[in-house]
Amino acid sequence: MEPNHDDIAGEIVADLEHRVKRLEFYLTGALELDDVAKDASLRPSLSTRLKTIAETINKAASQRRAVSGMLQLYIDFPELFPSDTLTPSDLSADDQEHEDETTLKQQLTVVDACATMFPSAVSRLNLLKDSPMPPSHTTASLLSLKPRLNRAEMVQDSLAADLAELRLRTVLLLQRWVKVGIQAAGHCWADWEERLLDVERLVRRTERAKAQEEQD
């Protein structure tokens, strides 16, 4: 028996509608269940259903940056998204059962991995719920302090700039003191010592010459 193309198209559209509803649930947390008429004559046409799907996706893309980014990624890099997916009519009963079992195992794995996060999240939410709101006059007094805090911050920035300038000037003075007070003084003492040695040699020569003259 040849497959009915209308039935195949209906299954594909139904799968798309299911995926769009899952997307809406992931994004908003709201799940709206539409009553699907069992009588095919009472159902909307395929074109109407496809138009509704397109409008839903466009609305999600305009409201959610993640959806628009994913669509742009699909446009820029289509090779990242496999196009050889199978429709429900192409899967046998065993394949569908195996796929459902694999999906259930993956979901259970995710739930087990995140199970330890649920109590902490609940406790934090309860803590936020039980935390009392501060009095209005306290909040108003804190807001009135904002101009003074801004001025204090400006003064702090000015003092920090002055301290930075003083540190720089201190470093320059230390460098000059080392060059003038230590290195220059060392050179001066060395020059004086060399001159004293020259004078001492000259005095000794003079005394030696004078002693020889007296002996003669």
C-alpha atoms as a PDB file:
ATOM      1  CA  MET A   1       0.000   0.000   0.000  1.00  0.00           C
ATOM      2  CA  GLU A   2       1.489   3.325  -1.024  1.00  0.00           C
ATOM      3  CA  PRO A   3       1.794   5.947   1.721  1.00  0.00           C
ATOM      4  CA  ASN A   4      -0.668   8.787   1.722  1.00  0.00           C
ATOM      5  CA  HIS A   5       1.214  12.036   1.154  1.00  0.00           C
ATOM      6  CA  ASP A   6      -1.377  14.048   3.087  1.00  0.00           C
ATOM      7  CA  ASP A   7      -0.914  11.820   6.127  1.00  0.00           C
ATOM      8  CA  ILE A   8       2.864  12.132   5.914  1.00  0.00           C
ATOM      9  CA  ALA A   9       2.608  15.911   5.627  1.00  0.00           C
ATOM     10  CA  GLY A  10       0.201  15.999   8.572  1.00  0.00           C
ATOM     11  CA  GLU A  11       2.606  13.966  10.710  1.00  0.00           C
ATOM     12  CA  ILE A  12       5.505  16.276   9.805  1.00  0.00           C
ATOM     13  CA  VAL A  13       3.457  19.375  10.657  1.00  0.00           C
ATOM     14  CA  ALA A  14       2.299  17.793  13.918  1.00  0.00           C
ATOM     15  CA  ASP A  15       5.929  17.030  14.812  1.00  0.00           C
ATOM     16  CA  LEU A  16       6.866  20.640  14.064  1.00  0.00           C
ATOM     17  CA  GLU A  17       4.006  21.903  16.238  1.00  0.00           C
ATOM     18  CA  HIS A  18       5.164  19.644  19.064  1.00  0.00           C
ATOM     19  CA  ARG A  19       8.718  20.949  18.795  1.00  0.00           C
ATOM     20  CA  VAL A  20       7.552  24.560  18.733  1.00  0.00           C
ATOM     21  CA  LYS A  21       5.504  23.991  21.884  1.00  0.00           C
ATOM     22  CA  ARG A  22       8.543  22.437  23.564  1.00  0.00           C
ATOM     23  CA  LEU A  23      10.542  25.498  22.541  1.00  0.00           C
ATOM     24  CA  GLU A  24       7.900  27.789  24.047  1.00  0.00           C
ATOM     25  CA  PHE A  25       7.950  25.733  27.251  1.00  0.00           C
ATOM     26  CA  TYR A  26      11.755  25.936  27.508  1.00  0.00           C
ATOM     27  CA  LEU A  27      11.714  29.695  26.947  1.00  0.00           C
ATOM     28  CA  THR A  28       8.687  30.805  28.970  1.00  0.00           C
ATOM     29  CA  GLY A  29       7.827  27.841  31.178  1.00  0.00           C
ATOM     30  CA  ALA A  30       4.227  27.990  29.996  1.00  0.00           C
ATOM     31  CA  LEU A  31       2.697  24.993  28.270  1.00  0.00           C
ATOM     32  CA  GLU A  32      -0.485  25.528  26.288  1.00  0.00           C
ATOM     33  CA  LEU A  33      -2.261  22.401  25.137  1.00  0.00           C
ATOM     34  CA  ASP A  34      -4.441  22.810  22.081  1.00  0.00           C
ATOM     35  CA  ASP A  35      -7.294  20.465  21.477  1.00  0.00           C
ATOM     36  CA  VAL A  36      -6.639  18.736  18.185  1.00  0.00           C
ATOM     37  CA  ALA A  37      -9.779  17.679  16.431  1.00  0.00           C
ATOM     38  CA  LYS A  38      -9.871  14.005  15.589  1.00  0.00           C
ATOM     39  CA  ASP A  39     -11.948  14.673  12.512  1.00  0.00           C
ATOM     40  CA  ALA A  40      -9.598  15.755   9.721  1.00  0.00           C
ATOM     41  CA  SER A  41     -12.281  17.994   8.230  1.00  0.00           C
ATOM     42  CA  LEU A  42     -12.411  20.088  11.415  1.00  0.00           C
ATOM     43  CA  ARG A  43      -8.659  20.635  11.616  1.00  0.00           C
ATOM     44  CA  PRO A  44      -7.027  23.759  10.154  1.00  0.00           C
ATOM     45  CA  SER A  45      -5.404  23.314   6.786  1.00  0.00           C
ATOM     46  CA  LEU A  46      -1.723  22.463   6.553  1.00  0.00           C
ATOM     47  CA  SER A  47      -0.900  25.894   5.179  1.00  0.00           C
ATOM     48  CA  THR A  48      -2.671  27.557   8.110  1.00  0.00           C
ATOM     49  CA  ARG A  49      -0.838  25.364  10.588  1.00  0.00           C
ATOM     50  CA  LEU A  50       2.527  26.066   8.903  1.00  0.00           C
ATOM     51  CA  LYS A  51       1.775  29.786   8.939  1.00  0.00           C
ATOM     52  CA  THR A  52       1.009  29.581  12.667  1.00  0.00           C
ATOM     53  CA  ILE A  53       4.289  27.756  13.266  1.00  0.00           C
ATOM     54  CA  ALA A  54       6.223  30.390  11.315  1.00  0.00           C
ATOM     55  CA  GLU A  55       4.544  33.221  13.233  1.00  0.00           C
ATOM     56  CA  THR A  56       5.335  31.549  16.544  1.00  0.00           C
ATOM     57  CA  ILE A  57       9.007  31.117  15.596  1.00  0.00           C
ATOM     58  CA  ASN A  58       9.273  34.720  14.383  1.00  0.00           C
ATOM     59  CA  LYS A  59       7.673  35.968  17.604  1.00  0.00           C
ATOM     60  CA  ALA A  60      10.100  33.907  19.702  1.00  0.00           C
ATOM     61  CA  ALA A  61      13.033  35.175  17.625  1.00  0.00           C
ATOM     62  CA  SER A  62      11.979  38.799  18.102  1.00  0.00           C
ATOM     63  CA  GLN A  63      11.583  38.381  21.863  1.00  0.00           C
ATOM     64  CA  ARG A  64      14.487  36.042  22.631  1.00  0.00           C
ATOM     65  CA  ARG A  65      18.068  36.682  21.585  1.00  0.00           C
ATOM     66  CA  ALA A  66      18.903  32.989  21.970  1.00  0.00           C
ATOM     67  CA  VAL A  67      16.352  32.005  19.322  1.00  0.00           C
ATOM     68  CA  SER A  68      17.427  34.733  16.903  1.00  0.00           C
ATOM     69  CA  GLY A  69      21.063  33.774  17.433  1.00  0.00           C
ATOM     70  CA  MET A  70      20.291  30.130  16.727  1.00  0.00           C
ATOM     71  CA  LEU A  71      18.426  31.027  13.538  1.00  0.00           C
ATOM     72  CA  GLN A  72      21.303  33.252  12.423  1.00  0.00           C
ATOM     73  CA  LEU A  73      23.717  30.418  13.194  1.00  0.00           C
ATOM     74  CA  TYR A  74      21.613  28.083  11.064  1.00  0.00           C
ATOM     75  CA  ILE A  75      21.696  30.628   8.215  1.00  0.00           C
ATOM     76  CA  ASP A  76      25.461  31.178   8.454  1.00  0.00           C
ATOM     77  CA  PHE A  77      26.510  27.579   9.120  1.00  0.00           C
ATOM     78  CA  PRO A  78      23.836  25.178   7.860  1.00  0.00           C
ATOM     79  CA  GLU A  79      26.324  22.309   7.843  1.00  0.00           C
ATOM     80  CA  LEU A  80      26.191  22.258  11.653  1.00  0.00           C
ATOM     81  CA  PHE A  81      22.552  21.156  11.526  1.00  0.00           C
ATOM     82  CA  PRO A  82      21.975  17.697  10.006  1.00  0.00           C
ATOM     83  CA  SER A  83      19.203  17.670   7.445  1.00  0.00           C
ATOM     84  CA  ASP A  84      18.842  13.914   7.126  1.00  0.00           C
ATOM     85  CA  THR A  85      16.504  13.536  10.104  1.00  0.00           C
ATOM     86  CA  LEU A  86      13.786  10.927   9.884  1.00  0.00           C
ATOM     87  CA  THR A  87      10.098  11.648  10.106  1.00  0.00           C
ATOM     88  CA  PRO A  88       7.896   9.652  12.475  1.00  0.00           C
ATOM     89  CA  SER A  89       6.485   7.676   9.553  1.00  0.00           C
ATOM     90  CA  ASP A  90      10.002   6.517   8.573  1.00  0.00           C
ATOM     91  CA  LEU A  91      10.622   4.942  11.970  1.00  0.00           C
ATOM     92  CA  SER A  92       9.491   1.491  12.823  1.00  0.00           C
ATOM     93  CA  ALA A  93       7.819   0.669  16.115  1.00  0.00           C
ATOM     94  CA  ASP A  94      11.074  -0.759  17.540  1.00  0.00           C
ATOM     95  CA  ASP A  95      13.029   2.330  16.493  1.00  0.00           C
ATOM     96  CA  GLN A  96      10.459   4.632  18.063  1.00  0.00           C
ATOM     97  CA  GLU A  97      10.502   2.625  21.275  1.00  0.00           C
ATOM     98  CA  HIS A  98      14.302   2.681  21.364  1.00  0.00           C
ATOM     99  CA  GLU A  99      14.336   6.428  20.704  1.00  0.00           C
ATOM    100  CA  ASP A 100      11.804   7.058  23.478  1.00  0.00           C
ATOM    101  CA  GLU A 101      13.837   4.897  25.866  1.00  0.00           C
ATOM    102  CA  THR A 102      17.052   6.787  24.993  1.00  0.00           C
ATOM    103  CA  THR A 103      15.332  10.140  25.466  1.00  0.00           C
ATOM    104  CA  LEU A 104      13.949   9.019  28.827  1.00  0.00           C
ATOM    105  CA  LYS A 105      17.408   7.886  29.958  1.00  0.00           C
ATOM    106  CA  GLN A 106      18.902  11.218  28.954  1.00  0.00           C
ATOM    107  CA  GLN A 107      16.203  13.090  30.835  1.00  0.00           C
ATOM    108  CA  LEU A 108      16.735  10.941  33.939  1.00  0.00           C
ATOM    109  CA  THR A 109      20.474  11.571  33.729  1.00  0.00           C
ATOM    110  CA  VAL A 110      19.903  15.316  33.602  1.00  0.00           C
ATOM    111  CA  VAL A 111      17.478  15.143  36.538  1.00  0.00           C
ATOM    112  CA  ASP A 112      19.945  13.071  38.618  1.00  0.00           C
ATOM    113  CA  ALA A 113      22.775  15.498  37.826  1.00  0.00           C
ATOM    114  CA  CYS A 114      20.703  18.511  38.871  1.00  0.00           C
ATOM    115  CA  ALA A 115      18.969  16.870  41.841  1.00  0.00           C
ATOM    116  CA  THR A 116      21.415  18.343  44.363  1.00  0.00           C
ATOM    117  CA  MET A 117      20.661  21.856  43.078  1.00  0.00           C
ATOM    118  CA  PHE A 118      16.933  21.699  43.792  1.00  0.00           C
ATOM    119  CA  PRO A 119      17.109  21.868  47.654  1.00  0.00           C
ATOM    120  CA  SER A 120      19.559  24.770  47.589  1.00  0.00           C
ATOM    121  CA  ALA A 121      17.391  26.628  45.070  1.00  0.00           C
ATOM    122  CA  VAL A 122      14.298  26.050  47.206  1.00  0.00           C
ATOM    123  CA  SER A 123      16.081  27.209  50.358  1.00  0.00           C
ATOM    124  CA  ARG A 124      17.287  30.371  48.621  1.00  0.00           C
ATOM    125  CA  LEU A 125      13.815  31.120  47.326  1.00  0.00           C
ATOM    126  CA  ASN A 126      12.349  30.594  50.793  1.00  0.00           C
ATOM    127  CA  LEU A 127      15.040  32.846  52.248  1.00  0.00           C
ATOM    128  CA  LEU A 128      14.141  35.590  49.785  1.00  0.00           C
ATOM    129  CA  LYS A 129      10.479  35.082  50.571  1.00  0.00           C
ATOM    130  CA  ASP A 130      11.025  35.274  54.336  1.00  0.00           C
ATOM    131  CA  SER A 131      13.426  38.223  54.189  1.00  0.00           C
ATOM    132  CA  PRO A 132      11.658  41.349  55.457  1.00  0.00           C
ATOM    133  CA  MET A 133      11.569  44.441  53.328  1.00  0.00           C
ATOM    134  CA  PRO A 134      13.584  47.341  54.788  1.00  0.00           C
ATOM    135  CA  PRO A 135      11.596  50.341  56.049  1.00  0.00           C
ATOM    136  CA  SER A 136      10.937  53.063  53.541  1.00  0.00           C
ATOM    137  CA  HIS A 137      12.591  55.771  55.637  1.00  0.00           C
ATOM    138  CA  THR A 138      15.806  53.707  55.751  1.00  0.00           C
ATOM    139  CA  THR A 139      15.837  53.404  51.994  1.00  0.00           C
ATOM    140  CA  ALA A 140      15.130  57.125  51.621  1.00  0.00           C
ATOM    141  CA  SER A 141      17.978  58.011  53.988  1.00  0.00           C
ATOM    142  CA  LEU A 142      20.351  55.804  52.038  1.00  0.00           C
ATOM    143  CA  LEU A 143      19.284  57.462  48.800  1.00  0.00           C
ATOM    144  CA  SER A 144      19.820  60.896  50.329  1.00  0.00           C
ATOM    145  CA  LEU A 145      23.422  59.901  51.069  1.00  0.00           C
ATOM    146  CA  LYS A 146      24.175  59.252  47.399  1.00  0.00           C
ATOM    147  CA  PRO A 147      25.276  62.862  46.584  1.00  0.00           C
ATOM    148  CA  ARG A 148      27.616  62.873  49.579  1.00  0.00           C
ATOM    149  CA  LEU A 149      28.986  59.491  48.566  1.00  0.00           C
ATOM    150  CA  ASN A 150      29.597  60.794  45.045  1.00  0.00           C
ATOM    151  CA  ARG A 151      31.475  63.797  46.425  1.00  0.00           C
ATOM    152  CA  ALA A 152      33.467  61.565  48.749  1.00  0.00           C
ATOM    153  CA  GLU A 153      34.352  59.353  45.792  1.00  0.00           C
ATOM    154  CA  MET A 154      35.552  62.396  43.850  1.00  0.00           C
ATOM    155  CA  VAL A 155      37.705  63.486  46.820  1.00  0.00           C
ATOM    156  CA  GLN A 156      39.085  59.976  47.098  1.00  0.00           C
ATOM    157  CA  ASP A 157      40.005  59.982  43.411  1.00  0.00           C
ATOM    158  CA  SER A 158      41.709  63.375  43.826  1.00  0.00           C
ATOM    159  CA  LEU A 159      43.679  62.144  46.840  1.00  0.00           C
ATOM    160  CA  ALA A 160      44.686  59.030  44.953  1.00  0.00           C
ATOM    161  CA  ALA A 161      45.980  61.189  42.091  1.00  0.00           C
ATOM    162  CA  ASP A 162      47.927  63.380  44.549  1.00  0.00           C
ATOM    163  CA  LEU A 163      49.434  60.324  46.214  1.00  0.00           C
ATOM    164  CA  ALA A 164      50.479  58.942  42.848  1.00  0.00           C
ATOM    165  CA  GLU A 165      52.163  62.264  41.991  1.00  0.00           C
ATOM    166  CA  LEU A 166      53.928  62.317  45.380  1.00  0.00           C
ATOM    167  CA  ARG A 167      55.182  58.780  44.865  1.00  0.00           C
ATOM    168  CA  LEU A 168      56.581  59.773  41.472  1.00  0.00           C
ATOM    169  CA  ARG A 169      58.283  62.860  42.887  1.00  0.00           C
ATOM    170  CA  THR A 170      59.731  60.782  45.740  1.00  0.00           C
ATOM    171  CA  VAL A 171      61.206  58.299  43.291  1.00  0.00           C
ATOM    172  CA  LEU A 172      62.743  61.133  41.232  1.00  0.00           C
ATOM    173  CA  LEU A 173      64.220  62.747  44.381  1.00  0.00           C
ATOM    174  CA  LEU A 174      65.695  59.428  45.495  1.00  0.00           C
ATOM    175  CA  GLN A 175      67.272  58.950  42.082  1.00  0.00           C
ATOM    176  CA  ARG A 176      68.763  62.472  42.197  1.00  0.00           C
ATOM    177  CA  TRP A 177      70.035  61.929  45.751  1.00  0.00           C
ATOM    178  CA  VAL A 178      71.744  58.702  44.715  1.00  0.00           C
ATOM    179  CA  LYS A 179      73.351  60.373  41.696  1.00  0.00           C
ATOM    180  CA  VAL A 180      74.362  63.635  43.422  1.00  0.00           C
ATOM    181  CA  GLY A 181      74.751  62.667  47.063  1.00  0.00           C
ATOM    182  CA  ILE A 182      76.374  59.256  46.714  1.00  0.00           C
ATOM    183  CA  GLN A 183      77.847  58.775  43.258  1.00  0.00           C
ATOM    184  CA  ALA A 184      79.054  62.383  42.864  1.00  0.00           C
ATOM    185  CA  ALA A 185      80.461  62.414  46.413  1.00  0.00           C
ATOM    186  CA  GLY A 186      82.270  59.171  45.687  1.00  0.00           C
ATOM    187  CA  HIS A 187      83.823  60.637  42.558  1.00  0.00           C
ATOM    188  CA  CYS A 188      84.791  63.793  44.514  1.00  0.00           C
ATOM    189  CA  TRP A 189      86.504  61.777  47.263  1.00  0.00           C
ATOM    190  CA  ALA A 190      88.326  59.708  44.677  1.00  0.00           C
ATOM    191  CA  ASP A 191      89.552  62.885  42.954  1.00  0.00           C
ATOM    192  CA  TRP A 192      90.714  64.386  46.265  1.00  0.00           C
ATOM    193  CA  GLU A 193      92.500  61.175  47.195  1.00  0.00           C
ATOM    194  CA  GLU A 194      94.280  61.126  43.850  1.00  0.00           C
ATOM    195  CA  ARG A 195      95.354  64.784  44.296  1.00  0.00           C
ATOM    196  CA  LEU A 196      96.644  64.076  47.822  1.00  0.00           C
ATOM    197  CA  LEU A 197      98.691  61.177  46.465  1.00  0.00           C
ATOM    198  CA  ASP A 198     100.183  63.477  43.805  1.00  0.00           C
ATOM    199  CA  VAL A 199     101.008  66.136  46.424  1.00  0.00           C
ATOM    200  CA  GLU A 200     102.508  63.491  48.688  1.00  0.00           C
ATOM    201  CA  ARG A 201     104.710  62.224  45.875  1.00  0.00           C
ATOM    202  CA  LEU A 202     105.799  65.813  45.061  1.00  0.00           C
ATOM    203  CA  VAL A 203     106.639  66.503  48.712  1.00  0.00           C
ATOM    204  CA  ARG A 204     108.706  63.348  48.952  1.00  0.00           C
ATOM    205  CA  ARG A 205     110.627  64.213  45.801  1.00  0.00           C
ATOM    206  CA  THR A 206     111.264  67.714  47.085  1.00  0.00           C
ATOM    207  CA  GLU A 207     112.456  66.433  50.462  1.00  0.00           C
ATOM    208  CA  ARG A 208     114.688  63.858  48.802  1.00  0.00           C
ATOM    209  CA  ALA A 209     116.216  66.486  46.485  1.00  0.00           C
ATOM    210  CA  LYS A 210     116.777  68.875  49.400  1.00  0.00           C
ATOM    211  CA  ALA A 211     118.428  66.123  51.449  1.00  0.00           C
ATOM    212  CA  GLN A 212     120.822  65.337  48.605  1.00  0.00           C
ATOM    213  CA  GLU A 213     121.736  69.066  48.260  1.00  0.00           C
ATOM    214  CA  GLU A 214     122.524  69.289  51.966  1.00  0.00           C
ATOM    215  CA  GLN A 215     124.726  66.171  51.756  1.00  0.00           C
ATOM    216  CA  ASP A 216     126.664  67.650  48.805  1.00  0.00           C
END
